Amino acid sequence: MNNIFITGKPGIGKTTLIKRICNKLGGVGGFFTEEIREGRARVGFRVQSFDGTQGILSHISVQSRFRVGKYKVDVETFEEIGVASVEQALQNGRIVVIDEIGKMELFSERFKEVVRMVLDSPQNVLATVPLYSIPFVDTFKMRNDVQLIEITFENRNQLEDEILKIVKNG
């Protein structure tokens, strides 16, 4: 099994789980996303590659024609950091981490193409995907080489070791 998709409700801990797994694995490439907060209010999301490069994925004050809810998506910055980090991981033969394949990221046609390439490659892929249906993502959830794992409050503390075993044996 070389493609693992972690899914679950928003805020359940998908990104936290991915980061903990990656810290134990090492040798990963790709990106993760994190909330940007001002006080108690979430005002956007940051994209960060595993080499430490980061930028704004979306924000309430970004100028963009692409939006998800109140957040406007900076597709150019996402491609420069997120998509480029996935392409680099693919070239370097690393475990490819994509957090996440969601509505904001899918405004990038380049990202969609890279996701297809990575999933068709022999490399291990660890990605997060929304629990709800997105047609582009749903086609990948159905593939024989994708293992879909749902994180819940009940299982989220056990999943780290389970996924590490799958990746290491994959």
N, C-alpha and C. Protein backbone atom coordinates (compact mmCIF):
# COMPACT_ATOMS: atom_id res chain seq x y z
N MET A 1 0.86 -1.18 0.00
CA MET A 1 0.00 0.00 0.00
C MET A 1 0.90 1.23 0.00
N ASN A 2 0.83 2.02 -1.06
CA ASN A 2 1.72 3.17 -1.05
C ASN A 2 1.00 4.51 -1.03
N ASN A 3 -0.33 4.53 -0.98
CA ASN A 3 -1.06 5.78 -0.90
C ASN A 3 -2.02 5.73 0.28
N ILE A 4 -1.73 6.54 1.30
CA ILE A 4 -2.57 6.57 2.49
C ILE A 4 -3.23 7.93 2.57
N PHE A 5 -4.56 7.92 2.64
CA PHE A 5 -5.35 9.14 2.80
C PHE A 5 -5.94 9.13 4.20
N ILE A 6 -5.68 10.19 4.95
CA ILE A 6 -6.28 10.37 6.27
C ILE A 6 -7.43 11.35 6.10
N THR A 7 -8.59 10.97 6.59
CA THR A 7 -9.76 11.82 6.49
C THR A 7 -10.38 11.98 7.88
N GLY A 8 -11.26 12.94 7.99
CA GLY A 8 -11.95 13.18 9.26
C GLY A 8 -12.56 14.56 9.26
N LYS A 9 -13.34 14.81 10.29
CA LYS A 9 -14.02 16.09 10.41
C LYS A 9 -13.00 17.22 10.58
N PRO A 10 -13.36 18.45 10.21
CA PRO A 10 -12.47 19.59 10.43
C PRO A 10 -12.13 19.72 11.92
N GLY A 11 -10.86 19.98 12.21
CA GLY A 11 -10.43 20.20 13.58
C GLY A 11 -10.20 18.93 14.39
N ILE A 12 -10.31 17.77 13.77
CA ILE A 12 -10.17 16.50 14.49
C ILE A 12 -8.72 16.14 14.78
N GLY A 13 -7.76 16.75 14.00
CA GLY A 13 -6.36 16.47 14.26
C GLY A 13 -5.60 15.83 13.10
N LYS A 14 -6.09 16.00 11.88
CA LYS A 14 -5.42 15.40 10.71
C LYS A 14 -4.01 15.96 10.54
N THR A 15 -3.87 17.27 10.60
CA THR A 15 -2.55 17.88 10.43
C THR A 15 -1.62 17.51 11.57
N THR A 16 -2.12 17.52 12.79
CA THR A 16 -1.31 17.14 13.94
C THR A 16 -0.80 15.71 13.77
N LEU A 17 -1.66 14.82 13.34
CA LEU A 17 -1.28 13.42 13.12
C LEU A 17 -0.20 13.32 12.04
N ILE A 18 -0.41 14.00 10.93
CA ILE A 18 0.57 13.98 9.84
C ILE A 18 1.93 14.47 10.33
N LYS A 19 1.95 15.57 11.06
CA LYS A 19 3.22 16.13 11.54
C LYS A 19 3.92 15.17 12.50
N ARG A 20 3.17 14.52 13.38
CA ARG A 20 3.79 13.57 14.31
C ARG A 20 4.37 12.37 13.57
N ILE A 21 3.66 11.88 12.59
CA ILE A 21 4.16 10.75 11.79
C ILE A 21 5.43 11.16 11.05
N CYS A 22 5.42 12.33 10.45
CA CYS A 22 6.57 12.81 9.67
C CYS A 22 7.80 13.04 10.55
N ASN A 23 7.59 13.51 11.77
CA ASN A 23 8.71 13.69 12.70
C ASN A 23 9.39 12.37 13.00
N LYS A 24 8.61 11.29 13.06
CA LYS A 24 9.19 9.97 13.34
C LYS A 24 9.80 9.34 12.09
N LEU A 25 9.23 9.63 10.93
CA LEU A 25 9.72 9.04 9.69
C LEU A 25 11.01 9.69 9.20
N GLY A 26 11.04 11.02 9.20
CA GLY A 26 12.13 11.73 8.55
C GLY A 26 12.10 11.44 7.05
N GLY A 27 12.93 12.10 6.29
CA GLY A 27 13.03 11.85 4.85
C GLY A 27 11.74 12.05 4.08
N VAL A 28 10.94 13.01 4.52
CA VAL A 28 9.69 13.28 3.81
C VAL A 28 9.80 14.60 3.07
N GLY A 29 8.94 14.77 2.10
CA GLY A 29 8.85 16.03 1.38
C GLY A 29 7.39 16.35 1.16
N GLY A 30 7.11 17.57 0.80
CA GLY A 30 5.73 17.98 0.60
C GLY A 30 5.41 19.14 1.52
N PHE A 31 4.14 19.24 1.92
CA PHE A 31 3.72 20.40 2.70
C PHE A 31 2.62 20.03 3.68
N PHE A 32 2.43 20.94 4.65
CA PHE A 32 1.29 20.88 5.54
C PHE A 32 0.71 22.28 5.67
N THR A 33 -0.51 22.34 6.17
CA THR A 33 -1.18 23.62 6.34
C THR A 33 -1.51 23.83 7.81
N GLU A 34 -1.53 25.09 8.22
CA GLU A 34 -1.87 25.43 9.60
C GLU A 34 -2.74 26.67 9.63
N GLU A 35 -3.55 26.76 10.67
CA GLU A 35 -4.39 27.93 10.84
C GLU A 35 -3.55 29.16 11.17
N ILE A 36 -4.01 30.31 10.73
CA ILE A 36 -3.46 31.60 11.14
C ILE A 36 -4.52 32.23 12.03
N ARG A 37 -4.12 32.59 13.23
CA ARG A 37 -5.06 33.16 14.18
C ARG A 37 -4.62 34.55 14.61
N GLU A 38 -5.60 35.40 14.80
CA GLU A 38 -5.39 36.70 15.43
C GLU A 38 -6.27 36.71 16.65
N GLY A 39 -5.65 36.54 17.82
CA GLY A 39 -6.44 36.36 19.04
C GLY A 39 -7.14 35.01 18.96
N ARG A 40 -8.44 35.04 19.16
CA ARG A 40 -9.24 33.79 19.11
C ARG A 40 -9.80 33.53 17.72
N ALA A 41 -9.65 34.47 16.83
CA ALA A 41 -10.27 34.35 15.50
C ALA A 41 -9.31 33.74 14.49
N ARG A 42 -9.81 32.76 13.73
CA ARG A 42 -9.04 32.21 12.61
C ARG A 42 -9.22 33.17 11.44
N VAL A 43 -8.10 33.62 10.88
CA VAL A 43 -8.17 34.59 9.78
C VAL A 43 -7.59 34.04 8.48
N GLY A 44 -7.06 32.82 8.53
CA GLY A 44 -6.51 32.25 7.31
C GLY A 44 -5.78 30.95 7.57
N PHE A 45 -5.05 30.53 6.52
CA PHE A 45 -4.26 29.31 6.58
C PHE A 45 -2.90 29.55 5.96
N ARG A 46 -1.89 28.94 6.55
CA ARG A 46 -0.51 29.02 6.08
C ARG A 46 -0.17 27.69 5.42
N VAL A 47 0.66 27.74 4.38
CA VAL A 47 1.21 26.54 3.77
C VAL A 47 2.70 26.52 4.10
N GLN A 48 3.19 25.35 4.53
CA GLN A 48 4.61 25.25 4.89
C GLN A 48 5.18 23.93 4.36
N SER A 49 6.31 24.05 3.68
CA SER A 49 6.99 22.85 3.18
C SER A 49 7.84 22.27 4.31
N PHE A 50 8.25 21.03 4.15
CA PHE A 50 9.04 20.39 5.19
C PHE A 50 10.47 20.92 5.25
N ASP A 51 10.86 21.75 4.28
CA ASP A 51 12.17 22.41 4.39
C ASP A 51 12.06 23.76 5.11
N GLY A 52 10.85 24.10 5.56
CA GLY A 52 10.66 25.31 6.36
C GLY A 52 10.14 26.51 5.60
N THR A 53 10.05 26.45 4.28
CA THR A 53 9.51 27.56 3.51
C THR A 53 8.01 27.67 3.79
N GLN A 54 7.56 28.89 4.03
CA GLN A 54 6.14 29.06 4.30
C GLN A 54 5.58 30.33 3.69
N GLY A 55 4.26 30.33 3.54
CA GLY A 55 3.57 31.49 2.99
C GLY A 55 2.08 31.38 3.27
N ILE A 56 1.34 32.34 2.80
CA ILE A 56 -0.09 32.39 3.02
C ILE A 56 -0.81 31.56 1.95
N LEU A 57 -1.58 30.57 2.39
CA LEU A 57 -2.44 29.82 1.47
C LEU A 57 -3.74 30.60 1.25
N SER A 58 -4.32 31.04 2.35
CA SER A 58 -5.56 31.82 2.24
C SER A 58 -5.66 32.73 3.45
N HIS A 59 -6.41 33.82 3.26
CA HIS A 59 -6.54 34.80 4.35
C HIS A 59 -7.76 35.66 4.04
N ILE A 60 -8.32 36.23 5.09
CA ILE A 60 -9.49 37.10 4.88
C ILE A 60 -9.12 38.39 4.17
N SER A 61 -7.83 38.79 4.23
CA SER A 61 -7.44 40.06 3.62
C SER A 61 -6.62 39.89 2.33
N VAL A 62 -6.45 38.68 1.84
CA VAL A 62 -5.73 38.46 0.58
C VAL A 62 -6.61 38.92 -0.58
N GLN A 63 -5.99 39.48 -1.60
CA GLN A 63 -6.74 39.85 -2.81
C GLN A 63 -6.68 38.68 -3.78
N SER A 64 -7.83 38.07 -4.04
CA SER A 64 -7.89 36.92 -4.93
C SER A 64 -9.31 36.71 -5.41
N ARG A 65 -9.44 36.18 -6.61
CA ARG A 65 -10.79 35.86 -7.11
C ARG A 65 -11.23 34.48 -6.64
N PHE A 66 -10.31 33.72 -6.02
CA PHE A 66 -10.61 32.38 -5.53
C PHE A 66 -10.95 32.46 -4.05
N ARG A 67 -12.08 31.87 -3.66
CA ARG A 67 -12.44 31.95 -2.26
C ARG A 67 -13.16 30.69 -1.80
N VAL A 68 -12.96 30.39 -0.52
CA VAL A 68 -13.69 29.33 0.17
C VAL A 68 -14.21 29.97 1.44
N GLY A 69 -15.51 30.16 1.50
CA GLY A 69 -16.10 30.88 2.63
C GLY A 69 -15.56 32.29 2.68
N LYS A 70 -15.09 32.71 3.84
CA LYS A 70 -14.56 34.08 4.00
C LYS A 70 -13.09 34.20 3.60
N TYR A 71 -12.46 33.07 3.27
CA TYR A 71 -11.02 33.06 2.97
C TYR A 71 -10.78 33.16 1.47
N LYS A 72 -9.89 34.07 1.10
CA LYS A 72 -9.48 34.19 -0.29
C LYS A 72 -8.16 33.46 -0.45
N VAL A 73 -8.05 32.67 -1.52
CA VAL A 73 -6.92 31.75 -1.70
C VAL A 73 -5.86 32.38 -2.59
N ASP A 74 -4.62 32.34 -2.13
CA ASP A 74 -3.46 32.82 -2.88
C ASP A 74 -2.87 31.63 -3.64
N VAL A 75 -3.39 31.38 -4.83
CA VAL A 75 -2.99 30.22 -5.62
C VAL A 75 -1.52 30.30 -6.01
N GLU A 76 -1.04 31.49 -6.34
CA GLU A 76 0.36 31.65 -6.76
C GLU A 76 1.33 31.26 -5.64
N THR A 77 1.09 31.74 -4.43
CA THR A 77 1.95 31.37 -3.30
C THR A 77 1.85 29.88 -3.01
N PHE A 78 0.64 29.32 -3.08
CA PHE A 78 0.46 27.89 -2.86
C PHE A 78 1.28 27.08 -3.87
N GLU A 79 1.28 27.50 -5.13
CA GLU A 79 2.05 26.78 -6.15
C GLU A 79 3.55 26.92 -5.90
N GLU A 80 3.99 28.12 -5.52
CA GLU A 80 5.42 28.35 -5.27
C GLU A 80 5.95 27.52 -4.10
N ILE A 81 5.12 27.29 -3.09
CA ILE A 81 5.57 26.58 -1.89
C ILE A 81 5.04 25.15 -1.85
N GLY A 82 3.73 25.01 -1.83
CA GLY A 82 3.12 23.68 -1.68
C GLY A 82 3.34 22.77 -2.87
N VAL A 83 2.96 23.22 -4.03
CA VAL A 83 3.09 22.38 -5.23
C VAL A 83 4.56 22.10 -5.53
N ALA A 84 5.40 23.12 -5.43
CA ALA A 84 6.83 22.93 -5.69
C ALA A 84 7.44 21.91 -4.73
N SER A 85 7.00 21.91 -3.47
CA SER A 85 7.55 20.96 -2.50
C SER A 85 7.14 19.52 -2.81
N VAL A 86 5.95 19.34 -3.36
CA VAL A 86 5.50 18.00 -3.76
C VAL A 86 6.28 17.54 -4.99
N GLU A 87 6.47 18.44 -5.94
CA GLU A 87 7.27 18.10 -7.13
C GLU A 87 8.69 17.71 -6.74
N GLN A 88 9.27 18.46 -5.81
CA GLN A 88 10.63 18.18 -5.35
C GLN A 88 10.71 16.83 -4.64
N ALA A 89 9.72 16.52 -3.80
CA ALA A 89 9.69 15.23 -3.10
C ALA A 89 9.59 14.09 -4.11
N LEU A 90 8.82 14.29 -5.15
CA LEU A 90 8.67 13.28 -6.20
C LEU A 90 10.00 13.05 -6.91
N GLN A 91 10.71 14.13 -7.24
CA GLN A 91 12.01 14.02 -7.91
C GLN A 91 13.07 13.39 -7.02
N ASN A 92 13.00 13.65 -5.71
CA ASN A 92 14.02 13.17 -4.79
C ASN A 92 13.73 11.80 -4.21
N GLY A 93 12.62 11.19 -4.61
CA GLY A 93 12.29 9.86 -4.14
C GLY A 93 11.91 9.80 -2.67
N ARG A 94 11.39 10.89 -2.16
CA ARG A 94 11.01 10.93 -0.74
C ARG A 94 9.56 10.48 -0.57
N ILE A 95 9.19 10.21 0.69
CA ILE A 95 7.78 10.01 1.00
C ILE A 95 7.10 11.35 0.77
N VAL A 96 6.01 11.34 0.00
CA VAL A 96 5.34 12.57 -0.38
C VAL A 96 4.19 12.83 0.58
N VAL A 97 4.22 14.00 1.22
CA VAL A 97 3.19 14.38 2.18
C VAL A 97 2.40 15.56 1.60
N ILE A 98 1.07 15.38 1.57
CA ILE A 98 0.18 16.42 1.05
C ILE A 98 -0.92 16.66 2.08
N ASP A 99 -0.83 17.81 2.75
CA ASP A 99 -1.84 18.16 3.75
C ASP A 99 -2.44 19.52 3.36
N GLU A 100 -3.38 19.56 2.53
CA GLU A 100 -4.38 18.59 2.22
C GLU A 100 -4.78 18.69 0.77
N ILE A 101 -5.56 17.71 0.30
CA ILE A 101 -6.15 17.78 -1.03
C ILE A 101 -7.58 18.24 -0.81
N GLY A 102 -7.77 19.56 -0.72
CA GLY A 102 -9.06 20.13 -0.38
C GLY A 102 -9.47 21.25 -1.31
N LYS A 103 -10.57 21.89 -0.99
CA LYS A 103 -11.16 22.92 -1.85
C LYS A 103 -10.17 24.04 -2.19
N MET A 104 -9.46 24.54 -1.18
CA MET A 104 -8.55 25.66 -1.43
C MET A 104 -7.44 25.27 -2.38
N GLU A 105 -6.84 24.11 -2.14
CA GLU A 105 -5.70 23.65 -2.95
C GLU A 105 -6.13 23.33 -4.38
N LEU A 106 -7.37 22.90 -4.55
CA LEU A 106 -7.84 22.47 -5.87
C LEU A 106 -8.15 23.62 -6.83
N PHE A 107 -7.99 24.86 -6.39
CA PHE A 107 -8.06 25.97 -7.33
C PHE A 107 -6.85 25.96 -8.26
N SER A 108 -5.80 25.24 -7.88
CA SER A 108 -4.58 25.16 -8.68
C SER A 108 -4.64 23.97 -9.63
N GLU A 109 -4.68 24.25 -10.93
CA GLU A 109 -4.65 23.18 -11.93
C GLU A 109 -3.32 22.43 -11.88
N ARG A 110 -2.24 23.16 -11.61
CA ARG A 110 -0.92 22.53 -11.49
C ARG A 110 -0.91 21.52 -10.34
N PHE A 111 -1.55 21.87 -9.23
CA PHE A 111 -1.65 20.96 -8.09
C PHE A 111 -2.40 19.70 -8.48
N LYS A 112 -3.52 19.84 -9.17
CA LYS A 112 -4.30 18.66 -9.59
C LYS A 112 -3.44 17.72 -10.42
N GLU A 113 -2.67 18.27 -11.34
CA GLU A 113 -1.81 17.45 -12.19
C GLU A 113 -0.72 16.76 -11.36
N VAL A 114 -0.14 17.47 -10.42
CA VAL A 114 0.91 16.90 -9.57
C VAL A 114 0.33 15.79 -8.69
N VAL A 115 -0.87 15.98 -8.17
CA VAL A 115 -1.51 14.93 -7.37
C VAL A 115 -1.67 13.66 -8.20
N ARG A 116 -2.12 13.80 -9.44
CA ARG A 116 -2.27 12.63 -10.32
C ARG A 116 -0.92 11.94 -10.52
N MET A 117 0.12 12.72 -10.80
CA MET A 117 1.45 12.16 -11.04
C MET A 117 1.97 11.42 -9.80
N VAL A 118 1.83 12.03 -8.65
CA VAL A 118 2.35 11.44 -7.41
C VAL A 118 1.62 10.13 -7.09
N LEU A 119 0.31 10.13 -7.24
CA LEU A 119 -0.45 8.92 -6.93
C LEU A 119 -0.16 7.78 -7.91
N ASP A 120 0.24 8.13 -9.12
CA ASP A 120 0.61 7.11 -10.11
C ASP A 120 2.07 6.68 -10.00
N SER A 121 2.83 7.33 -9.14
CA SER A 121 4.25 7.01 -8.98
C SER A 121 4.40 5.84 -8.00
N PRO A 122 5.59 5.25 -7.94
CA PRO A 122 5.81 4.16 -6.98
C PRO A 122 6.10 4.64 -5.56
N GLN A 123 6.15 5.94 -5.34
CA GLN A 123 6.49 6.47 -4.03
C GLN A 123 5.32 6.40 -3.05
N ASN A 124 5.67 6.30 -1.77
CA ASN A 124 4.65 6.35 -0.73
C ASN A 124 4.09 7.76 -0.64
N VAL A 125 2.77 7.85 -0.52
CA VAL A 125 2.09 9.13 -0.39
C VAL A 125 1.26 9.10 0.88
N LEU A 126 1.41 10.14 1.68
CA LEU A 126 0.62 10.32 2.89
C LEU A 126 -0.10 11.65 2.73
N ALA A 127 -1.43 11.60 2.65
CA ALA A 127 -2.19 12.82 2.37
C ALA A 127 -3.40 12.91 3.29
N THR A 128 -3.88 14.13 3.48
CA THR A 128 -5.15 14.33 4.16
C THR A 128 -6.17 14.80 3.13
N VAL A 129 -7.40 14.33 3.33
CA VAL A 129 -8.50 14.69 2.44
C VAL A 129 -9.74 14.96 3.29
N PRO A 130 -10.62 15.81 2.81
CA PRO A 130 -11.84 16.09 3.57
C PRO A 130 -12.74 14.86 3.67
N LEU A 131 -13.53 14.80 4.71
CA LEU A 131 -14.50 13.73 4.88
C LEU A 131 -15.64 13.88 3.87
N TYR A 132 -16.01 15.13 3.59
CA TYR A 132 -17.11 15.37 2.65
C TYR A 132 -16.65 15.10 1.21
N SER A 133 -17.62 15.00 0.34
CA SER A 133 -17.35 14.63 -1.05
C SER A 133 -16.85 15.82 -1.88
N ILE A 134 -15.76 15.59 -2.58
CA ILE A 134 -15.26 16.49 -3.63
C ILE A 134 -14.98 15.57 -4.82
N PRO A 135 -15.66 15.77 -5.96
CA PRO A 135 -15.51 14.82 -7.08
C PRO A 135 -14.05 14.50 -7.44
N PHE A 136 -13.17 15.49 -7.50
CA PHE A 136 -11.77 15.23 -7.86
C PHE A 136 -11.13 14.27 -6.86
N VAL A 137 -11.38 14.48 -5.57
CA VAL A 137 -10.80 13.64 -4.52
C VAL A 137 -11.47 12.27 -4.49
N ASP A 138 -12.77 12.23 -4.71
CA ASP A 138 -13.51 10.97 -4.65
C ASP A 138 -12.97 9.94 -5.64
N THR A 139 -12.50 10.39 -6.80
CA THR A 139 -11.96 9.44 -7.78
C THR A 139 -10.72 8.74 -7.23
N PHE A 140 -9.95 9.43 -6.40
CA PHE A 140 -8.74 8.83 -5.83
C PHE A 140 -9.07 7.95 -4.62
N LYS A 141 -10.09 8.33 -3.86
CA LYS A 141 -10.49 7.53 -2.70
C LYS A 141 -10.88 6.11 -3.11
N MET A 142 -11.34 5.95 -4.34
CA MET A 142 -11.82 4.65 -4.83
C MET A 142 -10.71 3.76 -5.40
N ARG A 143 -9.52 4.28 -5.55
CA ARG A 143 -8.44 3.50 -6.16
C ARG A 143 -8.04 2.32 -5.28
N ASN A 144 -7.62 1.23 -5.93
CA ASN A 144 -7.17 0.04 -5.21
C ASN A 144 -5.90 0.28 -4.42
N ASP A 145 -5.09 1.25 -4.84
CA ASP A 145 -3.81 1.50 -4.17
C ASP A 145 -3.89 2.62 -3.13
N VAL A 146 -5.11 2.99 -2.75
CA VAL A 146 -5.32 4.01 -1.72
C VAL A 146 -5.98 3.36 -0.50
N GLN A 147 -5.38 3.57 0.65
CA GLN A 147 -6.00 3.14 1.89
C GLN A 147 -6.54 4.39 2.58
N LEU A 148 -7.85 4.42 2.78
CA LEU A 148 -8.52 5.57 3.39
C LEU A 148 -8.71 5.27 4.88
N ILE A 149 -8.17 6.13 5.73
CA ILE A 149 -8.24 5.95 7.17
C ILE A 149 -8.92 7.16 7.78
N GLU A 150 -10.01 6.93 8.51
CA GLU A 150 -10.72 8.03 9.14
C GLU A 150 -10.25 8.22 10.57
N ILE A 151 -9.88 9.44 10.90
CA ILE A 151 -9.47 9.79 12.25
C ILE A 151 -10.71 10.28 13.01
N THR A 152 -10.87 9.75 14.22
CA THR A 152 -11.98 10.14 15.09
C THR A 152 -11.42 10.46 16.47
N PHE A 153 -12.25 11.00 17.34
CA PHE A 153 -11.80 11.26 18.71
C PHE A 153 -11.39 9.95 19.39
N GLU A 154 -12.10 8.86 19.04
CA GLU A 154 -11.83 7.57 19.69
C GLU A 154 -10.52 6.94 19.24
N ASN A 155 -10.12 7.12 17.99
CA ASN A 155 -8.94 6.39 17.47
C ASN A 155 -7.71 7.27 17.24
N ARG A 156 -7.83 8.56 17.44
CA ARG A 156 -6.74 9.43 17.00
C ARG A 156 -5.42 9.23 17.74
N ASN A 157 -5.45 8.67 18.93
CA ASN A 157 -4.20 8.42 19.65
C ASN A 157 -3.52 7.12 19.24
N GLN A 158 -4.26 6.20 18.63
CA GLN A 158 -3.69 4.93 18.18
C GLN A 158 -3.21 4.99 16.72
N LEU A 159 -3.74 5.91 15.95
CA LEU A 159 -3.48 5.91 14.51
C LEU A 159 -2.02 6.17 14.15
N GLU A 160 -1.32 6.94 14.95
CA GLU A 160 0.07 7.27 14.63
C GLU A 160 0.90 6.01 14.42
N ASP A 161 0.85 5.09 15.38
CA ASP A 161 1.64 3.85 15.26
C ASP A 161 1.15 2.97 14.12
N GLU A 162 -0.16 2.91 13.94
CA GLU A 162 -0.73 2.08 12.86
C GLU A 162 -0.26 2.59 11.50
N ILE A 163 -0.32 3.88 11.29
CA ILE A 163 0.08 4.45 9.99
C ILE A 163 1.59 4.34 9.79
N LEU A 164 2.35 4.53 10.85
CA LEU A 164 3.81 4.35 10.73
C LEU A 164 4.16 2.95 10.26
N LYS A 165 3.47 1.93 10.79
CA LYS A 165 3.71 0.55 10.37
C LYS A 165 3.38 0.37 8.89
N ILE A 166 2.25 0.92 8.48
CA ILE A 166 1.82 0.78 7.08
C ILE A 166 2.86 1.42 6.16
N VAL A 167 3.31 2.63 6.49
CA VAL A 167 4.26 3.34 5.64
C VAL A 167 5.60 2.59 5.60
N LYS A 168 6.06 2.15 6.73
CA LYS A 168 7.36 1.47 6.78
C LYS A 168 7.34 0.11 6.07
N ASN A 169 6.18 -0.56 6.08
CA ASN A 169 6.08 -1.86 5.42
C ASN A 169 5.61 -1.74 3.97
N GLY A 170 5.18 -0.51 3.60
CA GLY A 170 4.57 -0.30 2.29
C GLY A 170 5.54 -0.33 1.19
